[in-house]
PDB file of N, CA and C in Angstrom:
ATOM      1  N   MET A   1     -12.499 -28.348  13.474  1.00  0.00           N
ATOM      2  CA  MET A   1     -11.820 -28.189  14.609  1.00  0.00           C
ATOM      3  C   MET A   1     -10.163 -27.885  13.700  1.00  0.00           C
ATOM      4  N   LYS A   2     -10.637 -28.614  12.591  1.00  0.00           N
ATOM      5  CA  LYS A   2      -8.859 -28.876  11.983  1.00  0.00           C
ATOM      6  C   LYS A   2      -8.856 -27.589  11.267  1.00  0.00           C
ATOM      7  N   GLN A   3      -9.749 -26.100  11.067  1.00  0.00           N
ATOM      8  CA  GLN A   3      -9.709 -25.073  10.861  1.00  0.00           C
ATOM      9  C   GLN A   3      -9.036 -23.855  11.639  1.00  0.00           C
ATOM     10  N   ILE A   4      -9.414 -24.482  12.810  1.00  0.00           N
ATOM     11  CA  ILE A   4      -8.572 -24.135  13.972  1.00  0.00           C
ATOM     12  C   ILE A   4      -7.037 -24.478  14.368  1.00  0.00           C
ATOM     13  N   THR A   5      -7.071 -25.704  13.991  1.00  0.00           N
ATOM     14  CA  THR A   5      -5.318 -25.632  13.826  1.00  0.00           C
ATOM     15  C   THR A   5      -4.662 -24.921  13.031  1.00  0.00           C
ATOM     16  N   LEU A   6      -5.404 -25.273  11.641  1.00  0.00           N
ATOM     17  CA  LEU A   6      -4.708 -24.834  10.622  1.00  0.00           C
ATOM     18  C   LEU A   6      -4.704 -22.726  10.982  1.00  0.00           C
ATOM     19  N   ILE A   7      -5.352 -22.513  11.353  1.00  0.00           N
ATOM     20  CA  ILE A   7      -5.339 -21.070  12.053  1.00  0.00           C
ATOM     21  C   ILE A   7      -4.058 -20.835  12.564  1.00  0.00           C
ATOM     22  N   ILE A   8      -4.211 -21.888  13.756  1.00  0.00           N
ATOM     23  CA  ILE A   8      -2.988 -21.479  14.864  1.00  0.00           C
ATOM     24  C   ILE A   8      -1.864 -21.828  14.421  1.00  0.00           C
ATOM     25  N   LEU A   9      -1.283 -22.636  12.924  1.00  0.00           N
ATOM     26  CA  LEU A   9      -0.317 -23.047  12.138  1.00  0.00           C
ATOM     27  C   LEU A   9      -0.193 -21.684  11.851  1.00  0.00           C
ATOM     28  N   PHE A  10      -0.958 -20.975  10.888  1.00  0.00           N
ATOM     29  CA  PHE A  10      -0.751 -20.109  10.252  1.00  0.00           C
ATOM     30  C   PHE A  10      -0.428 -18.690  10.934  1.00  0.00           C
ATOM     31  N   ILE A  11      -1.093 -18.773  12.424  1.00  0.00           N
ATOM     32  CA  ILE A  11      -0.661 -17.417  12.669  1.00  0.00           C
ATOM     33  C   ILE A  11       0.872 -17.587  13.849  1.00  0.00           C
ATOM     34  N   THR A  12       1.598 -19.159  13.827  1.00  0.00           N
ATOM     35  CA  THR A  12       2.192 -19.248  15.022  1.00  0.00           C
ATOM     36  C   THR A  12       3.913 -19.349  13.999  1.00  0.00           C
ATOM     37  N   PHE A  13       3.587 -19.271  12.609  1.00  0.00           N
ATOM     38  CA  PHE A  13       4.365 -19.103  11.612  1.00  0.00           C
ATOM     39  C   PHE A  13       4.430 -17.924  10.678  1.00  0.00           C
ATOM     40  N   SER A  14       3.578 -16.654  10.861  1.00  0.00           N
ATOM     41  CA  SER A  14       3.743 -15.766  11.083  1.00  0.00           C
ATOM     42  C   SER A  14       4.645 -15.057  11.987  1.00  0.00           C
ATOM     43  N   PHE A  15       4.150 -15.210  12.710  1.00  0.00           N
ATOM     44  CA  PHE A  15       4.815 -14.591  14.296  1.00  0.00           C
ATOM     45  C   PHE A  15       6.347 -15.158  14.234  1.00  0.00           C
ATOM     46  N   ALA A  16       6.591 -16.458  13.642  1.00  0.00           N
ATOM     47  CA  ALA A  16       7.910 -16.986  13.739  1.00  0.00           C
ATOM     48  C   ALA A  16       8.827 -15.988  13.070  1.00  0.00           C
ATOM     49  N   GLY A  17       8.879 -15.465  11.763  1.00  0.00           N
ATOM     50  CA  GLY A  17       9.575 -14.419  11.301  1.00  0.00           C
ATOM     51  C   GLY A  17       9.749 -15.383   9.647  1.00  0.00           C
ATOM     52  N   PHE A  18       9.303 -16.525   9.640  1.00  0.00           N
ATOM     53  CA  PHE A  18       9.572 -17.349   7.873  1.00  0.00           C
ATOM     54  C   PHE A  18       8.897 -16.335   6.892  1.00  0.00           C
ATOM     55  N   PHE A  19       8.183 -15.272   7.234  1.00  0.00           N
ATOM     56  CA  PHE A  19       7.521 -14.482   6.342  1.00  0.00           C
ATOM     57  C   PHE A  19       8.777 -12.872   6.189  1.00  0.00           C
ATOM     58  N   ASN A  20       9.711 -13.011   7.006  1.00  0.00           N
ATOM     59  CA  ASN A  20      10.001 -11.832   6.776  1.00  0.00           C
ATOM     60  C   ASN A  20      11.039 -11.561   6.079  1.00  0.00           C
ATOM     61  N   GLU A  21      10.608 -10.828   4.933  1.00  0.00           N
ATOM     62  CA  GLU A  21      11.988 -10.587   4.351  1.00  0.00           C
ATOM     63  C   GLU A  21      12.591  -9.353   4.013  1.00  0.00           C
ATOM     64  N   THR A  22      12.272  -8.467   5.220  1.00  0.00           N
ATOM     65  CA  THR A  22      12.636  -6.995   5.357  1.00  0.00           C
ATOM     66  C   THR A  22      14.279  -7.332   6.007  1.00  0.00           C
ATOM     67  N   ALA A  23      15.191  -8.279   6.594  1.00  0.00           N
ATOM     68  CA  ALA A  23      16.247  -8.605   6.959  1.00  0.00           C
ATOM     69  C   ALA A  23      17.126  -9.003   6.164  1.00  0.00           C
ATOM     70  N   ALA A  24      16.120  -9.704   5.096  1.00  0.00           N
ATOM     71  CA  ALA A  24      17.379 -10.393   4.129  1.00  0.00           C
ATOM     72  C   ALA A  24      17.521  -9.171   2.861  1.00  0.00           C
ATOM     73  N   GLU A  25      16.517  -8.380   2.665  1.00  0.00           N
ATOM     74  CA  GLU A  25      17.033  -6.500   1.800  1.00  0.00           C
ATOM     75  C   GLU A  25      17.743  -5.988   2.379  1.00  0.00           C
ATOM     76  N   ASP A  26      17.523  -5.752   3.671  1.00  0.00           N
ATOM     77  CA  ASP A  26      18.695  -4.682   4.441  1.00  0.00           C
ATOM     78  C   ASP A  26      19.783  -5.674   4.418  1.00  0.00           C
ATOM     79  N   LYS A  27      20.195  -6.328   4.774  1.00  0.00           N
ATOM     80  CA  LYS A  27      21.086  -7.009   4.580  1.00  0.00           C
ATOM     81  C   LYS A  27      21.878  -6.445   3.185  1.00  0.00           C
ATOM     82  N   ALA A  28      21.129  -6.818   2.417  1.00  0.00           N
ATOM     83  CA  ALA A  28      21.833  -7.033   0.528  1.00  0.00           C
ATOM     84  C   ALA A  28      22.364  -5.615   0.914  1.00  0.00           C
ATOM     85  N   GLU A  29      21.354  -4.590   1.317  1.00  0.00           N
ATOM     86  CA  GLU A  29      21.752  -3.045   0.966  1.00  0.00           C
ATOM     87  C   GLU A  29      22.466  -2.919   1.829  1.00  0.00           C
ATOM     88  N   TYR A  30      23.166  -3.475   3.273  1.00  0.00           N
ATOM     89  CA  TYR A  30      24.340  -3.442   3.813  1.00  0.00           C
ATOM     90  C   TYR A  30      25.170  -3.527   2.555  1.00  0.00           C
ATOM     91  N   LEU A  31      25.338  -4.938   2.407  1.00  0.00           N
ATOM     92  CA  LEU A  31      26.062  -5.295   1.481  1.00  0.00           C
ATOM     93  C   LEU A  31      26.788  -4.492   0.493  1.00  0.00           C
ATOM     94  N   GLU A  32      25.744  -3.494  -0.368  1.00  0.00           N
ATOM     95  CA  GLU A  32      26.246  -2.994  -1.565  1.00  0.00           C
ATOM     96  C   GLU A  32      26.513  -1.640  -1.339  1.00  0.00           C
ATOM     97  N   ASN A  33      26.347  -1.414  -0.273  1.00  0.00           N
ATOM     98  CA  ASN A  33      26.883   0.124   0.336  1.00  0.00           C
ATOM     99  C   ASN A  33      28.095   0.376   0.831  1.00  0.00           C
ATOM    100  N   ASP A  34      28.693  -1.159   1.581  1.00  0.00           N
ATOM    101  CA  ASP A  34      29.311  -1.530   1.974  1.00  0.00           C
ATOM    102  C   ASP A  34      31.029  -1.528   1.014  1.00  0.00           C
ATOM    103  N   ARG A  35      30.635  -2.016  -0.227  1.00  0.00           N
ATOM    104  CA  ARG A  35      31.113  -2.445  -1.319  1.00  0.00           C
ATOM    105  C   ARG A  35      31.654  -0.924  -1.596  1.00  0.00           C
ATOM    106  N   LEU A  36      30.350  -0.370  -2.648  1.00  0.00           N
ATOM    107  CA  LEU A  36      30.429   1.481  -2.396  1.00  0.00           C
ATOM    108  C   LEU A  36      31.629   1.908  -2.170  1.00  0.00           C
ATOM    109  N   CYS A  37      31.525   1.793  -0.486  1.00  0.00           N
ATOM    110  CA  CYS A  37      32.142   2.330   0.438  1.00  0.00           C
ATOM    111  C   CYS A  37      33.650   2.071  -0.171  1.00  0.00           C
ATOM    112  N   LYS A  38      34.115   1.298   0.082  1.00  0.00           N
ATOM    113  CA  LYS A  38      35.389   0.612  -0.001  1.00  0.00           C
ATOM    114  C   LYS A  38      35.868   0.352  -1.781  1.00  0.00           C
ATOM    115  N   LEU A  39      34.925   0.361  -2.698  1.00  0.00           N
ATOM    116  CA  LEU A  39      34.863   1.192  -4.016  1.00  0.00           C
ATOM    117  C   LEU A  39      35.527   2.553  -4.472  1.00  0.00           C
ATOM    118  N   PHE A  40      34.821   3.513  -3.791  1.00  0.00           N
ATOM    119  CA  PHE A  40      35.248   4.873  -3.701  1.00  0.00           C
ATOM    120  C   PHE A  40      36.443   5.436  -2.771  1.00  0.00           C
ATOM    121  N   LYS A  41      36.734   4.409  -1.862  1.00  0.00           N
ATOM    122  CA  LYS A  41      37.856   4.924  -0.931  1.00  0.00           C
ATOM    123  C   LYS A  41      38.943   4.674  -1.811  1.00  0.00           C
ATOM    124  N   GLN A  42      39.040   3.292  -2.447  1.00  0.00           N
ATOM    125  CA  GLN A  42      40.126   2.935  -3.355  1.00  0.00           C
ATOM    126  C   GLN A  42      40.022   4.161  -4.186  1.00  0.00           C
ATOM    127  N   LYS A  43      39.162   4.477  -4.993  1.00  0.00           N
ATOM    128  CA  LYS A  43      39.401   5.511  -6.138  1.00  0.00           C
ATOM    129  C   LYS A  43      39.694   6.632  -5.499  1.00  0.00           C
ATOM    130  N   VAL A  44      39.413   7.338  -4.625  1.00  0.00           N
ATOM    131  CA  VAL A  44      40.368   8.590  -4.445  1.00  0.00           C
ATOM    132  C   VAL A  44      41.456   8.347  -3.741  1.00  0.00           C
ATOM    133  N   ILE A  45      42.131   7.202  -3.427  1.00  0.00           N
ATOM    134  CA  ILE A  45      43.687   6.979  -3.209  1.00  0.00           C
ATOM    135  C   ILE A  45      44.037   6.892  -4.650  1.00  0.00           C
ATOM    136  N   ASP A  46      43.139   6.009  -5.492  1.00  0.00           N
ATOM    137  CA  ASP A  46      44.006   6.735  -6.879  1.00  0.00           C
ATOM    138  C   ASP A  46      44.604   7.424  -7.571  1.00  0.00           C
ATOM    139  N   TYR A  47      43.009   8.362  -7.780  1.00  0.00           N
ATOM    140  CA  TYR A  47      43.320   9.468  -8.399  1.00  0.00           C
ATOM    141  C   TYR A  47      43.654  10.591  -7.785  1.00  0.00           C
ATOM    142  N   LYS A  48      44.523  10.521  -6.329  1.00  0.00           N
ATOM    143  CA  LYS A  48      45.231  11.499  -6.163  1.00  0.00           C
ATOM    144  C   LYS A  48      46.963  11.359  -6.455  1.00  0.00           C
ATOM    145  N   LYS A  49      46.741   9.909  -6.740  1.00  0.00           N
ATOM    146  CA  LYS A  49      48.031   9.791  -7.561  1.00  0.00           C
ATOM    147  C   LYS A  49      48.533  10.180  -8.432  1.00  0.00           C
ATOM    148  N   ASN A  50      47.212   9.942  -9.038  1.00  0.00           N
ATOM    149  CA  ASN A  50      47.813  10.830 -10.719  1.00  0.00           C
ATOM    150  C   ASN A  50      47.045  12.070 -11.062  1.00  0.00           C
ATOM    151  N   MET A  51      46.388  12.843  -9.986  1.00  0.00           N
ATOM    152  CA  MET A  51      45.569  13.773 -10.297  1.00  0.00           C
ATOM    153  C   MET A  51      46.524  14.911 -11.196  1.00  0.00           C
ATOM    154  N   ARG A  52      45.693  15.526 -11.951  1.00  0.00           N
ATOM    155  CA  ARG A  52      46.143  16.611 -12.577  1.00  0.00           C
ATOM    156  C   ARG A  52      45.716  18.184 -11.536  1.00  0.00           C
ATOM    157  N   ALA A  53      46.381  19.198 -12.518  1.00  0.00           N
ATOM    158  CA  ALA A  53      46.710  20.310 -11.450  1.00  0.00           C
ATOM    159  C   ALA A  53      45.245  21.410 -11.991  1.00  0.00           C
ATOM    160  N   ASP A  54      44.485  21.003 -12.330  1.00  0.00           N
ATOM    161  CA  ASP A  54      43.377  22.294 -12.398  1.00  0.00           C
ATOM    162  C   ASP A  54      42.409  21.598 -11.942  1.00  0.00           C
ATOM    163  N   PHE A  55      40.525  22.709 -12.419  1.00  0.00           N
ATOM    164  CA  PHE A  55      39.833  22.651 -11.856  1.00  0.00           C
ATOM    165  C   PHE A  55      39.314  21.435 -11.816  1.00  0.00           C
ATOM    166  N   LEU A  56      38.872  20.745 -12.826  1.00  0.00           N
ATOM    167  CA  LEU A  56      38.130  20.002 -13.613  1.00  0.00           C
ATOM    168  C   LEU A  56      38.680  18.655 -12.306  1.00  0.00           C
ATOM    169  N   ALA A  57      39.980  18.506 -12.685  1.00  0.00           N
ATOM    170  CA  ALA A  57      40.131  17.277 -11.305  1.00  0.00           C
ATOM    171  C   ALA A  57      39.642  17.301 -10.002  1.00  0.00           C
ATOM    172  N   ALA A  58      40.408  18.827  -9.624  1.00  0.00           N
ATOM    173  CA  ALA A  58      39.741  18.677  -8.248  1.00  0.00           C
ATOM    174  C   ALA A  58      38.487  17.856  -7.535  1.00  0.00           C
ATOM    175  N   THR A  59      37.512  19.081  -9.469  1.00  0.00           N
ATOM    176  CA  THR A  59      36.097  18.747  -8.969  1.00  0.00           C
ATOM    177  C   THR A  59      35.910  16.922  -8.812  1.00  0.00           C
ATOM    178  N   THR A  60      36.237  16.582  -9.881  1.00  0.00           N
ATOM    179  CA  THR A  60      36.657  15.000  -9.757  1.00  0.00           C
ATOM    180  C   THR A  60      36.825  14.030  -8.274  1.00  0.00           C
ATOM    181  N   LEU A  61      38.205  14.853  -7.999  1.00  0.00           N
ATOM    182  CA  LEU A  61      38.229  14.410  -6.465  1.00  0.00           C
ATOM    183  C   LEU A  61      37.097  14.170  -5.187  1.00  0.00           C
ATOM    184  N   ALA A  62      36.820  15.942  -5.298  1.00  0.00           N
ATOM    185  CA  ALA A  62      35.409  15.880  -4.323  1.00  0.00           C
ATOM    186  C   ALA A  62      34.393  15.540  -4.794  1.00  0.00           C
ATOM    187  N   SER A  63      33.961  15.034  -5.915  1.00  0.00           N
ATOM    188  CA  SER A  63      33.019  13.754  -5.961  1.00  0.00           C
ATOM    189  C   SER A  63      33.497  12.546  -5.430  1.00  0.00           C
ATOM    190  N   TYR A  64      34.589  11.965  -5.663  1.00  0.00           N
ATOM    191  CA  TYR A  64      34.666  10.505  -5.302  1.00  0.00           C
ATOM    192  C   TYR A  64      34.749  10.694  -3.798  1.00  0.00           C
ATOM    193  N   GLU A  65      35.272  12.085  -3.082  1.00  0.00           N
ATOM    194  CA  GLU A  65      34.833  12.037  -1.752  1.00  0.00           C
ATOM    195  C   GLU A  65      33.964  11.856  -1.031  1.00  0.00           C
ATOM    196  N   HIS A  66      32.912  12.788  -1.782  1.00  0.00           N
ATOM    197  CA  HIS A  66      31.345  12.830  -1.676  1.00  0.00           C
ATOM    198  C   HIS A  66      30.872  11.397  -1.598  1.00  0.00           C
ATOM    199  N   ARG A  67      31.219  10.992  -2.491  1.00  0.00           N
ATOM    200  CA  ARG A  67      30.171   9.426  -2.448  1.00  0.00           C
ATOM    201  C   ARG A  67      31.126   8.188  -1.436  1.00  0.00           C
ATOM    202  N   ALA A  68      32.300   8.777  -1.283  1.00  0.00           N
ATOM    203  CA  ALA A  68      32.941   7.877  -0.563  1.00  0.00           C
ATOM    204  C   ALA A  68      32.102   8.239   0.854  1.00  0.00           C
ATOM    205  N   GLU A  69      32.002   9.162   1.669  1.00  0.00           N
ATOM    206  CA  GLU A  69      31.403   9.439   2.980  1.00  0.00           C
ATOM    207  C   GLU A  69      30.148   9.209   2.595  1.00  0.00           C
ATOM    208  N   LEU A  70      28.982   9.326   1.290  1.00  0.00           N
ATOM    209  CA  LEU A  70      27.876   9.217   1.639  1.00  0.00           C
ATOM    210  C   LEU A  70      27.443   7.677   1.262  1.00  0.00           C
ATOM    211  N   PHE A  71      28.384   6.578   0.811  1.00  0.00           N
ATOM    212  CA  PHE A  71      27.457   5.160   0.697  1.00  0.00           C
ATOM    213  C   PHE A  71      28.672   4.576   2.067  1.00  0.00           C
ATOM    214  N   CYS A  72      30.080   5.186   2.822  1.00  0.00           N
ATOM    215  CA  CYS A  72      29.586   4.892   4.170  1.00  0.00           C
ATOM    216  C   CYS A  72      28.954   5.144   5.178  1.00  0.00           C
ATOM    217  N   GLN A  73      28.765   6.362   4.975  1.00  0.00           N
ATOM    218  CA  GLN A  73      27.633   6.808   6.257  1.00  0.00           C
ATOM    219  C   GLN A  73      26.365   6.124   6.350  1.00  0.00           C
ATOM    220  N   LYS A  74      26.131   5.068   5.180  1.00  0.00           N
ATOM    221  CA  LYS A  74      24.248   4.403   4.907  1.00  0.00           C
ATOM    222  C   LYS A  74      25.217   3.043   4.716  1.00  0.00           C
ATOM    223  N   ALA A  75      26.480   2.554   5.333  1.00  0.00           N
ATOM    224  CA  ALA A  75      26.909   1.488   5.183  1.00  0.00           C
ATOM    225  C   ALA A  75      26.786   1.167   6.980  1.00  0.00           C
ATOM    226  N   GLU A  76      27.146   2.749   8.032  1.00  0.00           N
ATOM    227  CA  GLU A  76      27.373   2.592   8.975  1.00  0.00           C
ATOM    228  C   GLU A  76      25.588   2.637   9.751  1.00  0.00           C
ATOM    229  N   GLU A  77      24.965   2.969   8.954  1.00  0.00           N
ATOM    230  CA  GLU A  77      23.695   3.015   9.925  1.00  0.00           C
ATOM    231  C   GLU A  77      23.031   1.914  10.055  1.00  0.00           C
ATOM    232  N   LEU A  78      23.392   0.929   9.028  1.00  0.00           N
ATOM    233  CA  LEU A  78      22.437  -0.729   8.965  1.00  0.00           C
ATOM    234  C   LEU A  78      24.114  -1.559   9.114  1.00  0.00           C
ATOM    235  N   LYS A  79      24.426  -1.428  10.617  1.00  0.00           N
ATOM    236  CA  LYS A  79      25.446  -2.091  10.533  1.00  0.00           C
ATOM    237  C   LYS A  79      24.829  -3.694  11.043  1.00  0.00           C
ATOM    238  N   PHE A  80      25.832  -4.776   9.909  1.00  0.00           N
ATOM    239  CA  PHE A  80      24.975  -6.207   9.941  1.00  0.00           C
ATOM    240  C   PHE A  80      26.413  -6.828  10.453  1.00  0.00           C
ATOM    241  N   ASP A  81      25.624  -7.735  11.205  1.00  0.00           N
ATOM    242  CA  ASP A  81      26.927  -9.153  11.560  1.00  0.00           C
ATOM    243  C   ASP A  81      26.740  -9.959  10.798  1.00  0.00           C
ATOM    244  N   THR A  82      27.955  -9.843   9.605  1.00  0.00           N
ATOM    245  CA  THR A  82      27.857 -10.947   8.701  1.00  0.00           C
ATOM    246  C   THR A  82      27.416 -12.644   9.232  1.00  0.00           C
ATOM    247  N   ASN A  83      27.919 -12.847   9.758  1.00  0.00           N
ATOM    248  CA  ASN A  83      27.968 -14.417  10.428  1.00  0.00           C
ATOM    249  C   ASN A  83      25.769 -14.677  10.559  1.00  0.00           C
ATOM    250  N   THR A  84      25.715 -13.878  11.349  1.00  0.00           N
ATOM    251  CA  THR A  84      23.793 -13.768  11.864  1.00  0.00           C
ATOM    252  C   THR A  84      22.972 -13.116  10.653  1.00  0.00           C
ATOM    253  N   THR A  85      22.270 -13.223  10.994  1.00  0.00           N
ATOM    254  CA  THR A  85      21.028 -12.480   9.792  1.00  0.00           C
ATOM    255  C   THR A  85      20.405 -11.090  11.052  1.00  0.00           C
ATOM    256  N   ALA A  86      21.247 -11.012  12.393  1.00  0.00           N
ATOM    257  CA  ALA A  86      20.775  -9.789  13.043  1.00  0.00           C
ATOM    258  C   ALA A  86      21.522  -9.005  12.779  1.00  0.00           C
ATOM    259  N   TYR A  87      20.560  -7.368  13.022  1.00  0.00           N
ATOM    260  CA  TYR A  87      21.792  -6.169  12.681  1.00  0.00           C
ATOM    261  C   TYR A  87      21.101  -5.298  13.837  1.00  0.00           C
ATOM    262  N   GLU A  88      22.099  -4.266  13.579  1.00  0.00           N
ATOM    263  CA  GLU A  88      22.299  -3.025  14.730  1.00  0.00           C
ATOM    264  C   GLU A  88      21.531  -1.709  14.773  1.00  0.00           C
ATOM    265  N   GLN A  89      20.779  -0.643  15.199  1.00  0.00           N
ATOM    266  CA  GLN A  89      20.622   0.003  14.255  1.00  0.00           C
ATOM    267  C   GLN A  89      20.547   1.552  15.233  1.00  0.00           C
TER     268      GLN A  89
END
C-alpha cells in the first residue's frame, strides 16, 4: 500500500511541472537575446554618429546591424511575459 501511495505521489509531482526546467532555460535564453538585441541596436546608433567613410567602417556597421536583427528576431521567437513563467510561441 505504501508503494502505491509513493508511486501516485511521484507521478503527481512529475506531471505537476515541478521537474520542468525548460521554462527557466527558455526564459534565460529570451532575456539574453533581448539584452544583446538592445546592446547591438545601441551600437548601431553610436557607430553611425562617429563612422568613418571607408569600406571597413561600412562593413563593421553592416555587421552590427545584422547581429542586432538576429538577436531581436530570436528574442521575438520566444516572447516571455517577465511577470509570469508562461511564454508565447
